[in-house]
Amino acid sequence: MTPYDFIKSVTSDEPECGKKWRSLSKQELNQILMETPPVWKGSSKLFRNLRDKGVISYTEYLFLLCILTKPHAGFRIAFNMFDTDGNEMVDKKEFLVLQEIFRKKNEKRERKGDEEKRAMLRADDITSLLSDTTLLVHFFGKKGKAELNFEDFYRFMDNLQTEVLEIEFLTYSNGMNTISEEDFARILLRYTNVENTSSYLENVRCRIPEEKGITFDEFRSFFQFLNNLEDFAIAMQMYNFANRSIGQDEFKRAVYVATGLKLSPHLVNTVFKIFDVDRDDQLSYKEFIGVMKDRLHRGSRGPPKYGLKDYYACVMTVTTKHLRELRKQFRSRDMLR
């Protein structure tokens, strides 16, 4: 897929139908990769600037989806996973090895014997078999000799999260500095299992009659908080164990203790107005955590009406040919040893 395809896959309500796929010649691919900016020139507009002038592999797609839901505190853990020799730098081989392991973990139809055999491949084998992509060139340069440090890795992950949030925000802001509280609710309820979103939207309309708006900084801070939802859920459960309901002050304190983030009073009040279904000015675990855990799946799942089975069938159709070719080359190399 292209960078534009990836952005569309995680920000659109519906998958794009009827898209015409095209094959790239080696010369066309090389020309596209030549225009890929280095990692130190990355920004929160990288994918929007590249649009169709880039190539993202299936494994990279899975990796990018993980980035979108990873808390900033987890960026170092992610980097250390790639940095297998512990030298505080990641090279192309290290990156590809972990990506290959990650891909195999996500292939449900993998035969056990083949999986164990391919797990023993040397990094040189993987590097020689896979074509360069936009992400590889961005991280490791056009010759693949550059190394990636933690600062650049952190900035890339932060920029990607920001870029996706900016796109979602701008979709509803219509050029203004804020989005309405009702639109904020719409965004939060996307990719959830909530069947009747109208009741939540009605909560906002009735309980926030005077629109103040949600700024991008508030919007971004809330989604940074959502990426720390598991830690926050522990704090929420402690209130439950103590038989204490959670009001807005307790909510703000739990967010800060669990994540270090300070949410604005207006943002917290808006969240309460959306999710406090029984309107008792208290937020229960079920009212909030249950719904927001669904929201974190964003691009890795679609709205139920489209069918997850159909989605994966589409992905596998595109990648099967490439995977078969890799398997043939892996087997031929094994037989030569």
C-alpha atoms as a PDB file:
ATOM      1  CA  MET A   1       0.000   0.000   0.000  1.00  0.00           C
ATOM      2  CA  THR A   2       0.981   3.655  -0.281  1.00  0.00           C
ATOM      3  CA  PRO A   3       1.346   6.123   2.611  1.00  0.00           C
ATOM      4  CA  TYR A   4      -1.987   7.608   1.500  1.00  0.00           C
ATOM      5  CA  ASP A   5      -3.596   4.142   1.642  1.00  0.00           C
ATOM      6  CA  PHE A   6      -2.374   3.704   5.210  1.00  0.00           C
ATOM      7  CA  ILE A   7      -3.755   7.059   6.317  1.00  0.00           C
ATOM      8  CA  LYS A   8      -7.100   6.274   4.712  1.00  0.00           C
ATOM      9  CA  SER A   9      -7.232   2.857   6.384  1.00  0.00           C
ATOM     10  CA  VAL A  10      -7.006   4.335   9.892  1.00  0.00           C
ATOM     11  CA  THR A  11      -9.005   7.542   9.452  1.00  0.00           C
ATOM     12  CA  SER A  12     -11.898   6.585   7.172  1.00  0.00           C
ATOM     13  CA  ASP A  13     -15.214   5.194   8.361  1.00  0.00           C
ATOM     14  CA  GLU A  14     -15.447   2.933   5.324  1.00  0.00           C
ATOM     15  CA  PRO A  15     -12.793   1.015   3.365  1.00  0.00           C
ATOM     16  CA  GLU A  16     -12.176   2.359  -0.123  1.00  0.00           C
ATOM     17  CA  CYS A  17     -13.882   0.098  -2.644  1.00  0.00           C
ATOM     18  CA  GLY A  18     -13.028  -0.493  -6.252  1.00  0.00           C
ATOM     19  CA  LYS A  19      -9.478   0.794  -6.081  1.00  0.00           C
ATOM     20  CA  LYS A  20      -7.380  -0.154  -9.076  1.00  0.00           C
ATOM     21  CA  TRP A  21      -4.155  -1.851  -8.092  1.00  0.00           C
ATOM     22  CA  ARG A  22      -1.094  -1.307 -10.239  1.00  0.00           C
ATOM     23  CA  SER A  23       2.288  -2.957 -10.422  1.00  0.00           C
ATOM     24  CA  LEU A  24       5.467  -0.925 -10.183  1.00  0.00           C
ATOM     25  CA  SER A  25       8.490  -1.634 -12.311  1.00  0.00           C
ATOM     26  CA  LYS A  26      11.859  -1.741 -10.559  1.00  0.00           C
ATOM     27  CA  GLN A  27      12.713   1.595 -12.165  1.00  0.00           C
ATOM     28  CA  GLU A  28       9.484   3.208 -10.947  1.00  0.00           C
ATOM     29  CA  LEU A  29      10.035   1.848  -7.444  1.00  0.00           C
ATOM     30  CA  ASN A  30      13.612   3.141  -7.346  1.00  0.00           C
ATOM     31  CA  GLN A  31      12.445   6.588  -8.475  1.00  0.00           C
ATOM     32  CA  ILE A  32       9.838   6.708  -5.697  1.00  0.00           C
ATOM     33  CA  LEU A  33      12.360   5.618  -3.075  1.00  0.00           C
ATOM     34  CA  MET A  34      14.867   8.219  -4.275  1.00  0.00           C
ATOM     35  CA  GLU A  35      12.374  10.914  -3.253  1.00  0.00           C
ATOM     36  CA  THR A  36      11.930   9.541   0.272  1.00  0.00           C
ATOM     37  CA  PRO A  37      13.193  12.053   2.868  1.00  0.00           C
ATOM     38  CA  PRO A  38      15.719  10.943   5.518  1.00  0.00           C
ATOM     39  CA  VAL A  39      14.538  10.342   9.074  1.00  0.00           C
ATOM     40  CA  TRP A  40      15.949  13.627  10.340  1.00  0.00           C
ATOM     41  CA  LYS A  41      13.628  15.447   7.931  1.00  0.00           C
ATOM     42  CA  GLY A  42      10.553  13.654   9.261  1.00  0.00           C
ATOM     43  CA  SER A  43       7.484  15.617  10.346  1.00  0.00           C
ATOM     44  CA  SER A  44       3.856  15.173  11.355  1.00  0.00           C
ATOM     45  CA  LYS A  45       2.979  15.620   7.670  1.00  0.00           C
ATOM     46  CA  LEU A  46       5.276  12.903   6.307  1.00  0.00           C
ATOM     47  CA  PHE A  47       2.563  10.514   5.080  1.00  0.00           C
ATOM     48  CA  ARG A  48       0.400  13.320   3.729  1.00  0.00           C
ATOM     49  CA  ASN A  49       3.343  14.786   1.821  1.00  0.00           C
ATOM     50  CA  LEU A  50       4.322  11.416   0.343  1.00  0.00           C
ATOM     51  CA  ARG A  51       0.743  10.452  -0.597  1.00  0.00           C
ATOM     52  CA  ASP A  52       1.102   7.877  -3.427  1.00  0.00           C
ATOM     53  CA  LYS A  53       4.872   8.275  -3.733  1.00  0.00           C
ATOM     54  CA  GLY A  54       5.765   5.496  -1.344  1.00  0.00           C
ATOM     55  CA  VAL A  55       5.469   1.767  -0.673  1.00  0.00           C
ATOM     56  CA  ILE A  56       4.508   0.161   2.654  1.00  0.00           C
ATOM     57  CA  SER A  57       4.711  -3.608   3.145  1.00  0.00           C
ATOM     58  CA  TYR A  58       2.133  -5.710   4.981  1.00  0.00           C
ATOM     59  CA  THR A  59       4.504  -6.253   7.917  1.00  0.00           C
ATOM     60  CA  GLU A  60       5.168  -2.518   8.144  1.00  0.00           C
ATOM     61  CA  TYR A  61       1.422  -1.916   8.101  1.00  0.00           C
ATOM     62  CA  LEU A  62       1.094  -4.090  11.223  1.00  0.00           C
ATOM     63  CA  PHE A  63       4.031  -2.263  12.825  1.00  0.00           C
ATOM     64  CA  LEU A  64       2.521   1.160  12.106  1.00  0.00           C
ATOM     65  CA  LEU A  65      -0.826   0.100  13.575  1.00  0.00           C
ATOM     66  CA  CYS A  66       0.949  -0.828  16.797  1.00  0.00           C
ATOM     67  CA  ILE A  67       2.588   2.592  16.950  1.00  0.00           C
ATOM     68  CA  LEU A  68      -0.779   4.338  16.902  1.00  0.00           C
ATOM     69  CA  THR A  69      -1.849   2.759  20.191  1.00  0.00           C
ATOM     70  CA  LYS A  70       1.500   2.735  22.003  1.00  0.00           C
ATOM     71  CA  PRO A  71       2.017   5.142  24.954  1.00  0.00           C
ATOM     72  CA  HIS A  72       5.056   7.417  24.823  1.00  0.00           C
ATOM     73  CA  ALA A  73       6.510   5.550  27.785  1.00  0.00           C
ATOM     74  CA  GLY A  74       6.489   2.419  25.627  1.00  0.00           C
ATOM     75  CA  PHE A  75       8.574   3.951  22.831  1.00  0.00           C
ATOM     76  CA  ARG A  76      11.810   3.018  24.606  1.00  0.00           C
ATOM     77  CA  ILE A  77      10.638  -0.582  25.049  1.00  0.00           C
ATOM     78  CA  ALA A  78       9.803  -0.774  21.341  1.00  0.00           C
ATOM     79  CA  PHE A  79      13.233   0.586  20.415  1.00  0.00           C
ATOM     80  CA  ASN A  80      15.035  -1.847  22.725  1.00  0.00           C
ATOM     81  CA  MET A  81      13.160  -4.733  21.094  1.00  0.00           C
ATOM     82  CA  PHE A  82      14.710  -3.763  17.748  1.00  0.00           C
ATOM     83  CA  ASP A  83      18.133  -3.025  19.281  1.00  0.00           C
ATOM     84  CA  THR A  84      19.132  -6.673  19.643  1.00  0.00           C
ATOM     85  CA  ASP A  85      22.856  -6.023  20.259  1.00  0.00           C
ATOM     86  CA  GLY A  86      22.207  -3.274  22.837  1.00  0.00           C
ATOM     87  CA  ASN A  87      24.421  -0.635  21.209  1.00  0.00           C
ATOM     88  CA  GLU A  88      21.699   2.080  21.402  1.00  0.00           C
ATOM     89  CA  MET A  89      21.401   2.032  17.605  1.00  0.00           C
ATOM     90  CA  VAL A  90      19.192  -0.011  15.287  1.00  0.00           C
ATOM     91  CA  ASP A  91      20.486  -1.069  11.878  1.00  0.00           C
ATOM     92  CA  LYS A  92      18.522  -2.366   8.913  1.00  0.00           C
ATOM     93  CA  LYS A  93      19.179  -6.036   9.658  1.00  0.00           C
ATOM     94  CA  GLU A  94      17.924  -5.749  13.238  1.00  0.00           C
ATOM     95  CA  PHE A  95      14.797  -3.970  12.065  1.00  0.00           C
ATOM     96  CA  LEU A  96      14.042  -6.597   9.413  1.00  0.00           C
ATOM     97  CA  VAL A  97      14.616  -9.555  11.730  1.00  0.00           C
ATOM     98  CA  LEU A  98      12.083  -8.323  14.275  1.00  0.00           C
ATOM     99  CA  GLN A  99       9.632  -7.418  11.523  1.00  0.00           C
ATOM    100  CA  GLU A 100       9.924 -10.946  10.117  1.00  0.00           C
ATOM    101  CA  ILE A 101       9.244 -12.456  13.548  1.00  0.00           C
ATOM    102  CA  PHE A 102       6.318 -10.092  13.991  1.00  0.00           C
ATOM    103  CA  ARG A 103       4.870 -11.107  10.615  1.00  0.00           C
ATOM    104  CA  LYS A 104       5.084 -14.809  11.440  1.00  0.00           C
ATOM    105  CA  LYS A 105       3.254 -14.259  14.717  1.00  0.00           C
ATOM    106  CA  ASN A 106       0.422 -12.676  12.764  1.00  0.00           C
ATOM    107  CA  GLU A 107       0.145 -15.416  10.126  1.00  0.00           C
ATOM    108  CA  LYS A 108      -2.581 -17.704  11.427  1.00  0.00           C
ATOM    109  CA  ARG A 109      -2.178 -20.298   8.669  1.00  0.00           C
ATOM    110  CA  GLU A 110       1.547 -20.835   9.262  1.00  0.00           C
ATOM    111  CA  ARG A 111       2.553 -24.493   9.533  1.00  0.00           C
ATOM    112  CA  LYS A 112       4.507 -25.154  12.723  1.00  0.00           C
ATOM    113  CA  GLY A 113       7.416 -26.906  11.000  1.00  0.00           C
ATOM    114  CA  ASP A 114       7.919 -24.123   8.464  1.00  0.00           C
ATOM    115  CA  GLU A 115       7.721 -21.466  11.177  1.00  0.00           C
ATOM    116  CA  GLU A 116      10.459 -23.085  13.250  1.00  0.00           C
ATOM    117  CA  LYS A 117      12.685 -23.591  10.212  1.00  0.00           C
ATOM    118  CA  ARG A 118      12.383 -19.995   9.027  1.00  0.00           C
ATOM    119  CA  ALA A 119      12.976 -18.700  12.548  1.00  0.00           C
ATOM    120  CA  MET A 120      16.567 -19.878  12.095  1.00  0.00           C
ATOM    121  CA  LEU A 121      17.239 -17.690   9.038  1.00  0.00           C
ATOM    122  CA  ARG A 122      20.189 -15.365   9.275  1.00  0.00           C
ATOM    123  CA  ALA A 123      19.621 -11.623   9.070  1.00  0.00           C
ATOM    124  CA  ASP A 124      21.577 -11.608   5.795  1.00  0.00           C
ATOM    125  CA  ASP A 125      18.999 -13.922   4.217  1.00  0.00           C
ATOM    126  CA  ILE A 126      16.090 -11.697   5.167  1.00  0.00           C
ATOM    127  CA  THR A 127      17.860  -8.556   3.982  1.00  0.00           C
ATOM    128  CA  SER A 128      18.683 -10.042   0.586  1.00  0.00           C
ATOM    129  CA  LEU A 129      15.180 -11.378  -0.035  1.00  0.00           C
ATOM    130  CA  LEU A 130      13.095  -8.321   0.785  1.00  0.00           C
ATOM    131  CA  SER A 131      12.763  -5.254  -1.428  1.00  0.00           C
ATOM    132  CA  ASP A 132      13.377  -1.801  -0.025  1.00  0.00           C
ATOM    133  CA  THR A 133      10.344   0.168   1.090  1.00  0.00           C
ATOM    134  CA  THR A 134       9.689   3.792   1.924  1.00  0.00           C
ATOM    135  CA  LEU A 135      10.031   3.078   5.641  1.00  0.00           C
ATOM    136  CA  LEU A 136      13.366   1.275   5.231  1.00  0.00           C
ATOM    137  CA  VAL A 137      14.799   4.100   3.126  1.00  0.00           C
ATOM    138  CA  HIS A 138      13.427   6.712   5.554  1.00  0.00           C
ATOM    139  CA  PHE A 139      15.090   4.973   8.522  1.00  0.00           C
ATOM    140  CA  PHE A 140      18.304   3.615   7.016  1.00  0.00           C
ATOM    141  CA  GLY A 141      19.044   5.716   3.939  1.00  0.00           C
ATOM    142  CA  LYS A 142      19.061   4.896   0.244  1.00  0.00           C
ATOM    143  CA  LYS A 143      22.029   2.519   0.634  1.00  0.00           C
ATOM    144  CA  GLY A 144      20.639   0.928   3.797  1.00  0.00           C
ATOM    145  CA  LYS A 145      23.844   1.647   5.737  1.00  0.00           C
ATOM    146  CA  ALA A 146      22.557   4.298   8.161  1.00  0.00           C
ATOM    147  CA  GLU A 147      21.608   3.472  11.747  1.00  0.00           C
ATOM    148  CA  LEU A 148      18.564   4.633  13.675  1.00  0.00           C
ATOM    149  CA  ASN A 149      18.979   6.193  17.126  1.00  0.00           C
ATOM    150  CA  PHE A 150      16.316   6.423  19.804  1.00  0.00           C
ATOM    151  CA  GLU A 151      15.693  10.164  19.378  1.00  0.00           C
ATOM    152  CA  ASP A 152      14.843   9.748  15.687  1.00  0.00           C
ATOM    153  CA  PHE A 153      12.773   6.629  16.408  1.00  0.00           C
ATOM    154  CA  TYR A 154      10.826   8.440  19.139  1.00  0.00           C
ATOM    155  CA  ARG A 155      10.211  11.431  16.891  1.00  0.00           C
ATOM    156  CA  PHE A 156       8.924   9.212  14.074  1.00  0.00           C
ATOM    157  CA  MET A 157       6.447   7.452  16.373  1.00  0.00           C
ATOM    158  CA  ASP A 158       5.268  10.709  17.935  1.00  0.00           C
ATOM    159  CA  ASN A 159       4.909  12.345  14.508  1.00  0.00           C
ATOM    160  CA  LEU A 160       2.840   9.431  13.177  1.00  0.00           C
ATOM    161  CA  GLN A 161       0.448   9.558  16.131  1.00  0.00           C
ATOM    162  CA  THR A 162       0.144  13.323  15.746  1.00  0.00           C
ATOM    163  CA  GLU A 163      -0.413  13.122  11.990  1.00  0.00           C
ATOM    164  CA  VAL A 164      -3.326  10.687  12.281  1.00  0.00           C
ATOM    165  CA  LEU A 165      -4.904  12.795  15.041  1.00  0.00           C
ATOM    166  CA  GLU A 166      -4.464  15.978  12.992  1.00  0.00           C
ATOM    167  CA  ILE A 167      -6.246  14.390  10.045  1.00  0.00           C
ATOM    168  CA  GLU A 168      -9.163  13.274  12.211  1.00  0.00           C
ATOM    169  CA  PHE A 169      -9.349  16.676  13.902  1.00  0.00           C
ATOM    170  CA  LEU A 170      -9.208  18.651  10.637  1.00  0.00           C
ATOM    171  CA  THR A 171     -11.979  16.496   9.170  1.00  0.00           C
ATOM    172  CA  TYR A 172     -14.374  18.036  11.691  1.00  0.00           C
ATOM    173  CA  SER A 173     -12.856  21.458  12.427  1.00  0.00           C
ATOM    174  CA  ASN A 174     -13.609  23.004   8.998  1.00  0.00           C
ATOM    175  CA  GLY A 175     -10.606  25.292   9.301  1.00  0.00           C
ATOM    176  CA  MET A 176     -11.450  26.400  12.847  1.00  0.00           C
ATOM    177  CA  ASN A 177      -9.226  26.023  15.917  1.00  0.00           C
ATOM    178  CA  THR A 178     -11.738  23.796  17.679  1.00  0.00           C
ATOM    179  CA  ILE A 179     -14.182  20.991  17.018  1.00  0.00           C
ATOM    180  CA  SER A 180     -17.580  20.799  18.674  1.00  0.00           C
ATOM    181  CA  GLU A 181     -18.148  18.621  21.724  1.00  0.00           C
ATOM    182  CA  GLU A 182     -20.620  16.585  19.666  1.00  0.00           C
ATOM    183  CA  ASP A 183     -18.045  15.918  16.942  1.00  0.00           C
ATOM    184  CA  PHE A 184     -15.533  14.963  19.637  1.00  0.00           C
ATOM    185  CA  ALA A 185     -18.055  12.364  20.813  1.00  0.00           C
ATOM    186  CA  ARG A 186     -18.486  11.081  17.245  1.00  0.00           C
ATOM    187  CA  ILE A 187     -14.745  10.561  16.886  1.00  0.00           C
ATOM    188  CA  LEU A 188     -14.500   8.756  20.231  1.00  0.00           C
ATOM    189  CA  LEU A 189     -17.309   6.364  19.335  1.00  0.00           C
ATOM    190  CA  ARG A 190     -15.815   5.308  15.996  1.00  0.00           C
ATOM    191  CA  TYR A 191     -14.677   1.650  15.819  1.00  0.00           C
ATOM    192  CA  THR A 192     -16.520   0.760  19.030  1.00  0.00           C
ATOM    193  CA  ASN A 193     -19.210  -1.807  19.682  1.00  0.00           C
ATOM    194  CA  VAL A 194     -21.718   0.847  20.702  1.00  0.00           C
ATOM    195  CA  GLU A 195     -24.887   0.101  18.777  1.00  0.00           C
ATOM    196  CA  ASN A 196     -26.864   3.210  19.629  1.00  0.00           C
ATOM    197  CA  THR A 197     -24.495   6.172  19.384  1.00  0.00           C
ATOM    198  CA  SER A 198     -27.429   8.569  19.153  1.00  0.00           C
ATOM    199  CA  SER A 199     -28.016   8.335  22.917  1.00  0.00           C
ATOM    200  CA  TYR A 200     -24.447   9.456  23.600  1.00  0.00           C
ATOM    201  CA  LEU A 201     -24.749  12.330  21.136  1.00  0.00           C
ATOM    202  CA  GLU A 202     -28.056  13.313  22.711  1.00  0.00           C
ATOM    203  CA  ASN A 203     -26.283  13.434  26.083  1.00  0.00           C
ATOM    204  CA  VAL A 204     -23.870  16.005  24.689  1.00  0.00           C
ATOM    205  CA  ARG A 205     -26.567  18.133  23.051  1.00  0.00           C
ATOM    206  CA  CYS A 206     -28.721  18.223  26.182  1.00  0.00           C
ATOM    207  CA  ARG A 207     -25.990  18.583  28.800  1.00  0.00           C
ATOM    208  CA  ILE A 208     -23.653  20.984  26.958  1.00  0.00           C
ATOM    209  CA  PRO A 209     -26.129  23.424  25.384  1.00  0.00           C
ATOM    210  CA  GLU A 210     -23.491  26.144  24.894  1.00  0.00           C
ATOM    211  CA  GLU A 211     -20.733  24.914  22.612  1.00  0.00           C
ATOM    212  CA  LYS A 212     -17.250  25.867  23.773  1.00  0.00           C
ATOM    213  CA  GLY A 213     -15.256  23.544  21.555  1.00  0.00           C
ATOM    214  CA  ILE A 214     -12.315  21.160  21.968  1.00  0.00           C
ATOM    215  CA  THR A 215      -8.879  22.421  20.918  1.00  0.00           C
ATOM    216  CA  PHE A 216      -6.330  20.228  19.162  1.00  0.00           C
ATOM    217  CA  ASP A 217      -4.077  20.257  22.244  1.00  0.00           C
ATOM    218  CA  GLU A 218      -6.978  18.925  24.337  1.00  0.00           C
ATOM    219  CA  PHE A 219      -7.826  16.420  21.592  1.00  0.00           C
ATOM    220  CA  ARG A 220      -4.242  15.165  21.371  1.00  0.00           C
ATOM    221  CA  SER A 221      -3.772  14.926  25.134  1.00  0.00           C
ATOM    222  CA  PHE A 222      -6.927  12.827  25.447  1.00  0.00           C
ATOM    223  CA  PHE A 223      -5.739  10.288  22.872  1.00  0.00           C
ATOM    224  CA  GLN A 224      -2.315  10.166  24.519  1.00  0.00           C
ATOM    225  CA  PHE A 225      -4.207   9.287  27.675  1.00  0.00           C
ATOM    226  CA  LEU A 226      -6.169   6.565  25.838  1.00  0.00           C
ATOM    227  CA  ASN A 227      -2.888   4.941  24.821  1.00  0.00           C
ATOM    228  CA  ASN A 228      -2.263   4.515  28.568  1.00  0.00           C
ATOM    229  CA  LEU A 229      -5.736   3.098  29.158  1.00  0.00           C
ATOM    230  CA  GLU A 230      -4.564  -0.128  30.811  1.00  0.00           C
ATOM    231  CA  ASP A 231      -2.721   1.766  33.564  1.00  0.00           C
ATOM    232  CA  PHE A 232      -5.704   4.040  34.060  1.00  0.00           C
ATOM    233  CA  ALA A 233      -8.029   1.021  34.251  1.00  0.00           C
ATOM    234  CA  ILE A 234      -6.044  -0.230  37.261  1.00  0.00           C
ATOM    235  CA  ALA A 235      -6.625   3.086  39.017  1.00  0.00           C
ATOM    236  CA  MET A 236     -10.325   2.890  38.178  1.00  0.00           C
ATOM    237  CA  GLN A 237     -10.530  -0.625  39.622  1.00  0.00           C
ATOM    238  CA  MET A 238      -8.982   0.583  42.885  1.00  0.00           C
ATOM    239  CA  TYR A 239     -11.893   2.992  43.271  1.00  0.00           C
ATOM    240  CA  ASN A 240     -14.267   0.093  42.602  1.00  0.00           C
ATOM    241  CA  PHE A 241     -12.584  -2.091  45.223  1.00  0.00           C
ATOM    242  CA  ALA A 242     -12.983   0.715  47.736  1.00  0.00           C
ATOM    243  CA  ASN A 243     -16.663   1.028  46.788  1.00  0.00           C
ATOM    244  CA  ARG A 244     -16.073   4.602  45.730  1.00  0.00           C
ATOM    245  CA  SER A 245     -17.676   6.199  42.704  1.00  0.00           C
ATOM    246  CA  ILE A 246     -15.501   8.368  40.518  1.00  0.00           C
ATOM    247  CA  GLY A 247     -16.330  12.009  39.918  1.00  0.00           C
ATOM    248  CA  GLN A 248     -14.511  14.520  37.748  1.00  0.00           C
ATOM    249  CA  ASP A 249     -11.863  15.375  40.361  1.00  0.00           C
ATOM    250  CA  GLU A 250     -11.130  11.705  40.965  1.00  0.00           C
ATOM    251  CA  PHE A 251     -11.013  11.100  37.218  1.00  0.00           C
ATOM    252  CA  LYS A 252      -8.434  13.870  36.683  1.00  0.00           C
ATOM    253  CA  ARG A 253      -6.341  12.598  39.591  1.00  0.00           C
ATOM    254  CA  ALA A 254      -6.433   8.989  38.314  1.00  0.00           C
ATOM    255  CA  VAL A 255      -5.368  10.142  34.826  1.00  0.00           C
ATOM    256  CA  TYR A 256      -2.452  12.127  36.236  1.00  0.00           C
ATOM    257  CA  VAL A 257      -1.278   9.359  38.581  1.00  0.00           C
ATOM    258  CA  ALA A 258      -1.491   6.692  35.860  1.00  0.00           C
ATOM    259  CA  THR A 259      -0.150   8.668  32.887  1.00  0.00           C
ATOM    260  CA  GLY A 260       1.365  11.961  34.085  1.00  0.00           C
ATOM    261  CA  LEU A 261      -1.058  13.859  31.819  1.00  0.00           C
ATOM    262  CA  LYS A 262      -3.177  16.776  32.986  1.00  0.00           C
ATOM    263  CA  LEU A 263      -6.489  16.956  31.154  1.00  0.00           C
ATOM    264  CA  SER A 264      -8.279  20.306  31.059  1.00  0.00           C
ATOM    265  CA  PRO A 265     -11.432  20.716  33.206  1.00  0.00           C
ATOM    266  CA  HIS A 266     -13.538  21.336  30.094  1.00  0.00           C
ATOM    267  CA  LEU A 267     -12.265  18.171  28.411  1.00  0.00           C
ATOM    268  CA  VAL A 268     -12.985  16.068  31.500  1.00  0.00           C
ATOM    269  CA  ASN A 269     -16.451  17.627  31.843  1.00  0.00           C
ATOM    270  CA  THR A 270     -17.166  16.799  28.184  1.00  0.00           C
ATOM    271  CA  VAL A 271     -16.092  13.176  28.666  1.00  0.00           C
ATOM    272  CA  PHE A 272     -18.413  12.873  31.645  1.00  0.00           C
ATOM    273  CA  LYS A 273     -21.299  14.369  29.720  1.00  0.00           C
ATOM    274  CA  ILE A 274     -20.742  11.833  26.912  1.00  0.00           C
ATOM    275  CA  PHE A 275     -20.294   8.652  28.931  1.00  0.00           C
ATOM    276  CA  ASP A 276     -22.275   9.261  32.113  1.00  0.00           C
ATOM    277  CA  VAL A 277     -25.280   7.392  30.717  1.00  0.00           C
ATOM    278  CA  ASP A 278     -27.318   7.341  33.940  1.00  0.00           C
ATOM    279  CA  ARG A 279     -26.519  11.047  34.514  1.00  0.00           C
ATOM    280  CA  ASP A 280     -25.469  10.674  38.140  1.00  0.00           C
ATOM    281  CA  ASP A 281     -22.319  12.797  37.601  1.00  0.00           C
ATOM    282  CA  GLN A 282     -20.209   9.718  38.286  1.00  0.00           C
ATOM    283  CA  LEU A 283     -18.329   7.535  35.816  1.00  0.00           C
ATOM    284  CA  SER A 284     -18.342   3.767  36.169  1.00  0.00           C
ATOM    285  CA  TYR A 285     -15.804   1.302  34.808  1.00  0.00           C
ATOM    286  CA  LYS A 286     -18.395  -0.149  32.454  1.00  0.00           C
ATOM    287  CA  GLU A 287     -19.552   3.254  31.191  1.00  0.00           C
ATOM    288  CA  PHE A 288     -16.084   4.369  30.113  1.00  0.00           C
ATOM    289  CA  ILE A 289     -13.364   1.702  30.043  1.00  0.00           C
ATOM    290  CA  GLY A 290     -15.504  -0.888  28.272  1.00  0.00           C
ATOM    291  CA  VAL A 291     -16.278   1.454  25.390  1.00  0.00           C
ATOM    292  CA  MET A 292     -12.802   2.998  25.078  1.00  0.00           C
ATOM    293  CA  LYS A 293     -11.013  -0.356  24.902  1.00  0.00           C
ATOM    294  CA  ASP A 294     -12.814  -0.927  21.606  1.00  0.00           C
ATOM    295  CA  ARG A 295     -11.675   2.480  20.323  1.00  0.00           C
ATOM    296  CA  LEU A 296      -8.024   1.496  20.715  1.00  0.00           C
ATOM    297  CA  HIS A 297      -8.360  -1.140  17.976  1.00  0.00           C
ATOM    298  CA  ARG A 298      -8.992   1.594  15.399  1.00  0.00           C
ATOM    299  CA  GLY A 299      -7.292   0.551  12.127  1.00  0.00           C
ATOM    300  CA  SER A 300      -6.837  -3.121  13.011  1.00  0.00           C
ATOM    301  CA  ARG A 301     -10.583  -3.606  12.938  1.00  0.00           C
ATOM    302  CA  GLY A 302     -13.416  -2.096  10.996  1.00  0.00           C
ATOM    303  CA  PRO A 303     -16.996  -1.341  11.944  1.00  0.00           C
ATOM    304  CA  PRO A 304     -18.725  -4.714  12.449  1.00  0.00           C
ATOM    305  CA  LYS A 305     -21.023  -4.268   9.467  1.00  0.00           C
ATOM    306  CA  TYR A 306     -18.151  -4.737   6.995  1.00  0.00           C
ATOM    307  CA  GLY A 307     -17.013  -8.102   8.351  1.00  0.00           C
ATOM    308  CA  LEU A 308     -13.547  -8.749   9.733  1.00  0.00           C
ATOM    309  CA  LYS A 309     -13.300 -11.945   7.683  1.00  0.00           C
ATOM    310  CA  ASP A 310     -13.762 -10.000   4.452  1.00  0.00           C
ATOM    311  CA  TYR A 311     -11.142  -7.461   5.502  1.00  0.00           C
ATOM    312  CA  TYR A 312      -8.476 -10.088   6.149  1.00  0.00           C
ATOM    313  CA  ALA A 313      -9.391 -11.899   2.940  1.00  0.00           C
ATOM    314  CA  CYS A 314      -8.684  -8.666   1.082  1.00  0.00           C
ATOM    315  CA  VAL A 315      -5.316  -8.200   2.814  1.00  0.00           C
ATOM    316  CA  MET A 316      -4.238 -11.782   2.155  1.00  0.00           C
ATOM    317  CA  THR A 317      -5.214 -11.544  -1.516  1.00  0.00           C
ATOM    318  CA  VAL A 318      -2.763  -8.685  -1.945  1.00  0.00           C
ATOM    319  CA  THR A 319       0.072 -10.314   0.017  1.00  0.00           C
ATOM    320  CA  THR A 320      -0.241 -14.028  -0.880  1.00  0.00           C
ATOM    321  CA  LYS A 321       1.797 -13.799  -4.074  1.00  0.00           C
ATOM    322  CA  HIS A 322       4.658 -12.063  -2.280  1.00  0.00           C
ATOM    323  CA  LEU A 323       4.579 -14.560   0.625  1.00  0.00           C
ATOM    324  CA  ARG A 324       4.667 -17.563  -1.742  1.00  0.00           C
ATOM    325  CA  GLU A 325       7.711 -16.173  -3.478  1.00  0.00           C
ATOM    326  CA  LEU A 326       9.466 -15.677  -0.156  1.00  0.00           C
ATOM    327  CA  ARG A 327       8.672 -19.255   0.903  1.00  0.00           C
ATOM    328  CA  LYS A 328      10.103 -20.682  -2.321  1.00  0.00           C
ATOM    329  CA  GLN A 329      13.326 -18.746  -1.849  1.00  0.00           C
ATOM    330  CA  PHE A 330      13.570 -19.727   1.825  1.00  0.00           C
ATOM    331  CA  ARG A 331      13.166 -23.457   0.967  1.00  0.00           C
ATOM    332  CA  SER A 332      15.693 -23.340  -1.862  1.00  0.00           C
ATOM    333  CA  ARG A 333      18.273 -21.738   0.442  1.00  0.00           C
ATOM    334  CA  ASP A 334      17.633 -24.385   3.119  1.00  0.00           C
ATOM    335  CA  MET A 335      18.205 -27.215   0.620  1.00  0.00           C
ATOM    336  CA  LEU A 336      21.502 -25.698  -0.484  1.00  0.00           C
ATOM    337  CA  ARG A 337      22.876 -25.781   3.051  1.00  0.00           C
END
